[in-house]
N, C-alpha and C. Protein backbone atom coordinates (compact mmCIF):
# COMPACT_ATOMS: atom_id res chain seq x y z
N ALA A 1 274.38 29.92 243.44
CA ALA A 1 273.81 28.85 242.65
C ALA A 1 273.51 27.68 243.57
N VAL A 2 272.43 26.99 243.28
CA VAL A 2 272.04 25.81 244.05
C VAL A 2 271.97 24.62 243.11
N ILE A 3 272.58 23.52 243.51
CA ILE A 3 272.56 22.29 242.74
C ILE A 3 271.72 21.29 243.52
N GLY A 4 270.62 20.82 242.93
CA GLY A 4 269.78 19.84 243.58
C GLY A 4 270.39 18.45 243.48
N ILE A 5 270.37 17.71 244.58
CA ILE A 5 270.79 16.31 244.60
C ILE A 5 269.65 15.54 245.26
N PRO A 6 269.57 14.22 245.06
CA PRO A 6 268.40 13.49 245.55
C PRO A 6 268.07 13.67 247.03
N ASP A 7 269.03 13.81 247.89
CA ASP A 7 268.73 13.91 249.32
C ASP A 7 269.17 15.26 249.90
N GLY A 8 269.14 16.31 249.11
CA GLY A 8 269.54 17.63 249.61
C GLY A 8 269.87 18.56 248.47
N SER A 9 270.69 19.53 248.76
CA SER A 9 271.13 20.48 247.73
C SER A 9 272.49 21.03 248.13
N ILE A 10 273.21 21.49 247.15
CA ILE A 10 274.51 22.11 247.37
C ILE A 10 274.39 23.56 246.93
N ALA A 11 274.68 24.49 247.83
CA ALA A 11 274.65 25.91 247.51
C ALA A 11 276.08 26.39 247.33
N LEU A 12 276.34 27.09 246.25
CA LEU A 12 277.68 27.59 245.97
C LEU A 12 277.74 29.08 246.30
N TYR A 13 278.79 29.48 247.02
CA TYR A 13 279.00 30.87 247.41
C TYR A 13 280.35 31.32 246.89
N ARG A 14 280.49 32.62 246.66
CA ARG A 14 281.78 33.15 246.22
C ARG A 14 282.76 33.09 247.38
N MET A 15 284.03 33.06 247.05
CA MET A 15 285.07 33.12 248.08
C MET A 15 285.08 34.51 248.68
N PRO A 16 285.12 34.63 250.00
CA PRO A 16 285.27 35.96 250.61
C PRO A 16 286.57 36.61 250.12
N ALA A 17 286.54 37.93 250.02
CA ALA A 17 287.67 38.67 249.47
C ALA A 17 288.89 38.67 250.38
N SER A 18 288.69 38.46 251.66
CA SER A 18 289.82 38.52 252.60
C SER A 18 289.61 37.54 253.75
N ALA A 19 290.68 37.32 254.49
CA ALA A 19 290.59 36.46 255.68
C ALA A 19 289.65 37.08 256.71
N ASP A 20 289.64 38.40 256.82
CA ASP A 20 288.73 39.07 257.77
C ASP A 20 287.27 38.82 257.39
N GLU A 21 286.97 38.91 256.09
CA GLU A 21 285.60 38.65 255.65
C GLU A 21 285.23 37.19 255.88
N MET A 22 286.17 36.27 255.69
CA MET A 22 285.93 34.84 255.94
C MET A 22 285.56 34.63 257.40
N ARG A 23 286.31 35.25 258.31
CA ARG A 23 286.00 35.12 259.74
C ARG A 23 284.64 35.70 260.08
N ALA A 24 284.33 36.86 259.51
CA ALA A 24 283.05 37.51 259.81
C ALA A 24 281.86 36.70 259.29
N LEU A 25 281.98 36.14 258.10
CA LEU A 25 280.87 35.40 257.50
C LEU A 25 280.73 33.98 258.01
N TRP A 26 281.86 33.28 258.14
CA TRP A 26 281.82 31.85 258.41
C TRP A 26 282.46 31.46 259.73
N GLY A 27 283.11 32.39 260.43
CA GLY A 27 283.72 32.07 261.72
C GLY A 27 284.95 31.20 261.62
N LEU A 28 285.59 31.22 260.46
CA LEU A 28 286.74 30.34 260.22
C LEU A 28 287.96 31.14 259.79
N ASP A 29 289.14 30.58 260.05
CA ASP A 29 290.40 31.21 259.64
C ASP A 29 291.00 30.53 258.42
N VAL A 30 290.21 29.82 257.67
CA VAL A 30 290.67 29.12 256.48
C VAL A 30 290.29 29.95 255.27
N HIS A 31 291.27 30.41 254.51
CA HIS A 31 290.98 31.25 253.35
C HIS A 31 291.38 30.53 252.07
N ARG A 32 290.57 29.54 251.71
CA ARG A 32 290.74 28.79 250.46
C ARG A 32 289.40 28.14 250.15
N PRO A 33 289.17 27.70 248.92
CA PRO A 33 287.91 27.04 248.61
C PRO A 33 287.71 25.82 249.51
N ARG A 34 286.48 25.68 250.05
CA ARG A 34 286.21 24.59 250.99
C ARG A 34 284.73 24.53 251.29
N LEU A 35 284.33 23.52 252.04
CA LEU A 35 282.97 23.45 252.58
C LEU A 35 282.82 24.57 253.60
N HIS A 36 281.81 25.41 253.44
CA HIS A 36 281.62 26.51 254.39
C HIS A 36 280.70 26.15 255.53
N ALA A 37 279.64 25.41 255.23
CA ALA A 37 278.66 25.12 256.28
C ALA A 37 277.77 23.95 255.87
N ILE A 38 277.22 23.32 256.86
CA ILE A 38 276.19 22.32 256.67
C ILE A 38 274.87 23.00 257.04
N ALA A 39 273.93 23.02 256.11
CA ALA A 39 272.65 23.66 256.37
C ALA A 39 271.61 22.61 256.73
N LEU A 40 270.87 22.90 257.78
CA LEU A 40 269.81 22.01 258.24
C LEU A 40 268.48 22.76 258.20
N ARG A 41 267.51 22.19 257.52
CA ARG A 41 266.18 22.80 257.44
C ARG A 41 265.32 22.19 258.55
N VAL A 42 264.75 23.04 259.39
CA VAL A 42 263.94 22.59 260.53
C VAL A 42 262.52 23.13 260.40
N ARG A 43 261.59 22.49 261.07
CA ARG A 43 260.19 22.93 260.99
C ARG A 43 259.93 24.21 261.79
N ASP A 44 260.64 24.39 262.90
CA ASP A 44 260.40 25.53 263.79
C ASP A 44 261.73 26.17 264.17
N LEU A 45 262.11 27.21 263.46
CA LEU A 45 263.40 27.85 263.69
C LEU A 45 263.45 28.54 265.05
N ALA A 46 262.35 29.11 265.50
CA ALA A 46 262.34 29.77 266.81
C ALA A 46 262.61 28.76 267.92
N ALA A 47 261.99 27.60 267.85
CA ALA A 47 262.23 26.56 268.86
C ALA A 47 263.66 26.05 268.78
N THR A 48 264.16 25.91 267.57
CA THR A 48 265.55 25.47 267.39
C THR A 48 266.52 26.48 267.99
N ALA A 49 266.30 27.77 267.72
CA ALA A 49 267.16 28.82 268.26
C ALA A 49 267.11 28.82 269.79
N LYS A 50 265.95 28.56 270.35
CA LYS A 50 265.82 28.51 271.81
C LYS A 50 266.65 27.37 272.39
N VAL A 51 266.58 26.21 271.79
CA VAL A 51 267.37 25.06 272.26
C VAL A 51 268.86 25.35 272.12
N LEU A 52 269.27 25.93 270.99
CA LEU A 52 270.68 26.27 270.80
C LEU A 52 271.16 27.23 271.89
N ALA A 53 270.35 28.23 272.21
CA ALA A 53 270.70 29.18 273.27
C ALA A 53 270.78 28.49 274.63
N GLU A 54 269.83 27.61 274.90
CA GLU A 54 269.85 26.87 276.17
C GLU A 54 271.10 26.02 276.30
N GLU A 55 271.59 25.50 275.18
CA GLU A 55 272.80 24.66 275.17
C GLU A 55 274.06 25.49 275.03
N ARG A 56 273.91 26.82 275.05
CA ARG A 56 275.02 27.78 274.96
C ARG A 56 275.80 27.67 273.66
N VAL A 57 275.07 27.43 272.57
CA VAL A 57 275.67 27.45 271.25
C VAL A 57 275.48 28.87 270.71
N GLY A 58 276.58 29.56 270.47
CA GLY A 58 276.52 30.95 270.03
C GLY A 58 276.07 31.09 268.59
N VAL A 59 275.52 32.25 268.29
CA VAL A 59 275.09 32.58 266.94
C VAL A 59 276.10 33.56 266.35
N LEU A 60 276.67 33.19 265.22
CA LEU A 60 277.64 34.04 264.55
C LEU A 60 276.94 35.15 263.77
N ARG A 61 275.84 34.78 263.09
CA ARG A 61 275.05 35.78 262.35
C ARG A 61 273.68 35.19 262.04
N GLY A 62 272.79 36.05 261.60
CA GLY A 62 271.44 35.64 261.24
C GLY A 62 270.49 35.77 262.43
N SER A 63 269.22 35.48 262.17
CA SER A 63 268.20 35.57 263.21
C SER A 63 266.98 34.76 262.78
N VAL A 64 266.11 34.49 263.74
CA VAL A 64 264.87 33.80 263.42
C VAL A 64 264.08 34.61 262.41
N ALA A 65 264.05 35.93 262.58
CA ALA A 65 263.30 36.81 261.67
C ALA A 65 263.83 36.74 260.24
N SER A 66 265.14 36.57 260.08
CA SER A 66 265.71 36.51 258.73
C SER A 66 265.55 35.14 258.10
N GLY A 67 265.16 34.15 258.90
CA GLY A 67 264.94 32.81 258.38
C GLY A 67 266.15 31.91 258.40
N GLU A 68 267.26 32.40 258.95
CA GLU A 68 268.44 31.54 259.08
C GLU A 68 269.30 31.98 260.25
N VAL A 69 269.84 30.99 260.94
CA VAL A 69 270.72 31.21 262.08
C VAL A 69 272.00 30.42 261.81
N PHE A 70 273.12 31.13 261.81
CA PHE A 70 274.42 30.50 261.58
C PHE A 70 275.14 30.39 262.91
N THR A 71 275.34 29.16 263.38
CA THR A 71 275.94 28.97 264.70
C THR A 71 277.46 29.06 264.63
N ASP A 72 278.03 29.49 265.73
CA ASP A 72 279.47 29.70 265.85
C ASP A 72 280.18 28.34 265.84
N PRO A 73 281.07 28.09 264.87
CA PRO A 73 281.75 26.80 264.82
C PRO A 73 282.62 26.51 266.05
N ARG A 74 282.97 27.53 266.81
CA ARG A 74 283.73 27.28 268.04
C ARG A 74 282.90 26.51 269.06
N ASP A 75 281.57 26.58 268.91
CA ASP A 75 280.68 25.88 269.84
C ASP A 75 280.17 24.55 269.29
N THR A 76 280.56 24.20 268.07
CA THR A 76 280.08 22.97 267.43
C THR A 76 281.24 22.15 266.89
N HIS A 77 282.31 22.07 267.66
CA HIS A 77 283.49 21.27 267.33
C HIS A 77 284.06 21.61 265.96
N GLY A 78 284.00 22.90 265.59
CA GLY A 78 284.58 23.36 264.34
C GLY A 78 283.70 23.16 263.12
N ILE A 79 282.51 22.63 263.32
CA ILE A 79 281.61 22.40 262.19
C ILE A 79 280.65 23.57 262.08
N PRO A 80 280.67 24.31 260.97
CA PRO A 80 279.75 25.42 260.81
C PRO A 80 278.36 24.92 260.39
N PHE A 81 277.34 25.30 261.15
CA PHE A 81 275.96 24.91 260.83
C PHE A 81 275.12 26.14 260.54
N LEU A 82 274.31 26.05 259.49
CA LEU A 82 273.32 27.06 259.19
C LEU A 82 271.95 26.39 259.37
N TRP A 83 271.12 26.99 260.20
CA TRP A 83 269.79 26.45 260.51
C TRP A 83 268.76 27.34 259.82
N THR A 84 267.78 26.74 259.15
CA THR A 84 266.76 27.52 258.45
C THR A 84 265.42 26.80 258.49
N ASP A 85 264.37 27.57 258.35
CA ASP A 85 263.04 26.98 258.20
C ASP A 85 262.49 27.28 256.80
N ARG A 86 263.34 27.79 255.95
CA ARG A 86 262.95 28.18 254.59
C ARG A 86 263.32 27.09 253.59
N ASP A 87 262.55 27.00 252.55
CA ASP A 87 262.88 26.10 251.46
C ASP A 87 263.97 26.74 250.61
N VAL A 88 264.87 25.93 250.09
CA VAL A 88 265.96 26.41 249.25
C VAL A 88 265.57 26.18 247.80
N PRO A 89 265.58 27.24 246.98
CA PRO A 89 265.27 27.04 245.56
C PRO A 89 266.19 25.99 244.95
N GLY A 90 265.63 25.05 244.21
CA GLY A 90 266.43 24.00 243.59
C GLY A 90 266.52 22.73 244.42
N ASP A 91 266.00 22.73 245.64
CA ASP A 91 266.03 21.54 246.49
C ASP A 91 265.03 20.54 245.93
N LEU A 92 265.51 19.40 245.47
CA LEU A 92 264.66 18.40 244.82
C LEU A 92 263.66 17.75 245.77
N ARG A 93 263.88 17.88 247.08
CA ARG A 93 262.96 17.25 248.05
C ARG A 93 261.65 18.01 248.17
N GLY A 94 261.60 19.25 247.72
CA GLY A 94 260.38 20.03 247.78
C GLY A 94 260.17 20.66 249.15
N PRO A 95 258.99 21.24 249.38
CA PRO A 95 258.70 21.93 250.64
C PRO A 95 258.75 20.99 251.84
N LEU A 96 259.13 21.54 252.98
CA LEU A 96 259.22 20.75 254.22
C LEU A 96 257.84 20.50 254.77
């Protein structure tokens, strides 16, 4: 589910079934309801992925082809980031 707010949107995800699934999906060892990731919509995901690679920020999952890249929180001071060039349904800001 996506909840639109004036300057962004909140996407709700189910809790992973296990700690192993939490690590695989989100790169975290916290198994309780919480903020999973901060998503940033960019104009050019391929260019963004290139800069992240140049800065040695690892990718936990996703790809430019899939439209989203989830960076490894171990490389971003524990903050999980999801990078996308896609519009999120329900985002009140409209297309990028």
